[in-house]
Each structure stands twice: as structure tokens, then as C-alpha cells.
Amino acid sequence: MFEDLEPRPARGAPLIALTREDLDGYSVADLKERIATLEAEVARAQAAIDGKSSQRNAADALFNFGG
């Protein structure tokens, strides 16, 4: 119940924090793993965009009456 009163973090806050993180403490292997993880997330986001675009195009085609 009280959780509803707590302010929600901004949607992009974790991403902003990630971009500001100090990388000096990471090894080369850690950085490569981080890059691989981020590349996988980019691919996942691109797939979501592609899926939403396909759905939008299908809806547009369904409701486009040529006028």
C-alpha cells in the first residue's frame, strides 16, 4: 500500500546510470563481457522495434480504406 506512494524511478534512469559508471575497475575480460551483454540488449530492443513496426503496419493496412 505504501509502495504506491513512493516515487517511481524514471524509465531511463538505469540506462543513464550505466553510461556514467566508472569502467576503470573492470578487467579487459569484464569489459568484453559487458559489451557482449549490451550488444545482446541492443538486438533485443531492435527486435521489439521491428515487432511493433510490423504490428503498426498491419493495423495501418487493415484500416486504410484508400481514401
Protein backbone atom coordinates (compact mmCIF):
# COMPACT_ATOMS: atom_id res chain seq x y z
CA MET A 1 0.00 0.00 0.00
CA PHE A 2 2.74 2.46 0.92
CA GLU A 3 4.72 1.38 -2.13
CA ASP A 4 2.18 3.24 -4.25
CA LEU A 5 3.22 6.48 -2.56
CA GLU A 6 6.91 6.07 -3.37
CA PRO A 7 8.11 7.95 -6.45
CA ARG A 8 8.90 5.63 -9.32
CA PRO A 9 12.34 5.92 -10.87
CA ALA A 10 12.44 7.46 -14.31
CA ARG A 11 12.13 4.91 -17.10
CA GLY A 12 15.63 5.58 -18.45
CA ALA A 13 17.35 6.02 -15.08
CA PRO A 14 19.12 2.62 -15.04
CA LEU A 15 20.45 3.22 -18.54
CA ILE A 16 21.74 6.67 -17.61
CA ALA A 17 23.43 5.22 -14.52
CA LEU A 18 25.02 2.53 -16.66
CA THR A 19 26.51 5.09 -19.03
CA ARG A 20 28.02 7.04 -16.13
CA GLU A 21 29.59 4.04 -14.41
CA ASP A 22 33.36 4.21 -13.90
CA LEU A 23 34.95 1.49 -16.04
CA ASP A 24 38.46 1.76 -14.59
CA GLY A 25 37.90 -1.09 -12.15
CA TYR A 26 36.92 -3.58 -14.85
CA SER A 27 39.31 -6.03 -16.46
CA VAL A 28 39.52 -6.46 -20.22
CA ALA A 29 37.52 -9.70 -19.90
CA ASP A 30 34.86 -7.91 -17.83
CA LEU A 31 34.62 -5.14 -20.41
CA LYS A 32 34.28 -7.64 -23.26
CA GLU A 33 31.52 -9.42 -21.36
CA ARG A 34 29.81 -6.09 -20.75
CA ILE A 35 29.98 -5.25 -24.46
CA ALA A 36 28.54 -8.65 -25.40
CA THR A 37 25.69 -8.17 -22.93
CA LEU A 38 24.97 -4.67 -24.23
CA GLU A 39 25.06 -5.88 -27.85
CA ALA A 40 22.54 -8.59 -26.94
CA GLU A 41 20.32 -5.93 -25.35
CA VAL A 42 20.57 -3.77 -28.48
CA ALA A 43 19.48 -6.76 -30.58
CA ARG A 44 16.58 -7.42 -28.20
CA ALA A 45 15.48 -3.78 -28.38
CA GLN A 46 15.76 -3.81 -32.19
CA ALA A 47 13.61 -6.96 -32.33
CA ALA A 48 10.99 -5.23 -30.18
CA ILE A 49 11.03 -2.21 -32.50
CA ASP A 50 10.70 -4.46 -35.55
CA GLY A 51 7.78 -6.31 -33.97
CA LYS A 52 5.98 -3.10 -33.05
CA SER A 53 6.58 -1.69 -36.53
CA SER A 54 5.13 -4.84 -38.11
CA GLN A 55 2.05 -4.64 -35.91
CA ARG A 56 1.62 -0.96 -36.74
CA ASN A 57 1.97 -1.59 -40.47
CA ALA A 58 -0.59 -4.40 -40.28
CA ALA A 59 -3.02 -2.17 -38.40
CA ASP A 60 -2.48 0.66 -40.87
CA ALA A 61 -3.14 -1.70 -43.78
CA LEU A 62 -6.29 -3.02 -42.11
CA PHE A 63 -7.76 0.42 -41.52
CA ASN A 64 -6.54 2.09 -44.72
CA PHE A 65 -9.55 2.41 -46.95
CA GLY A 66 -7.68 4.02 -49.82
CA GLY A 67 -9.10 7.41 -49.18
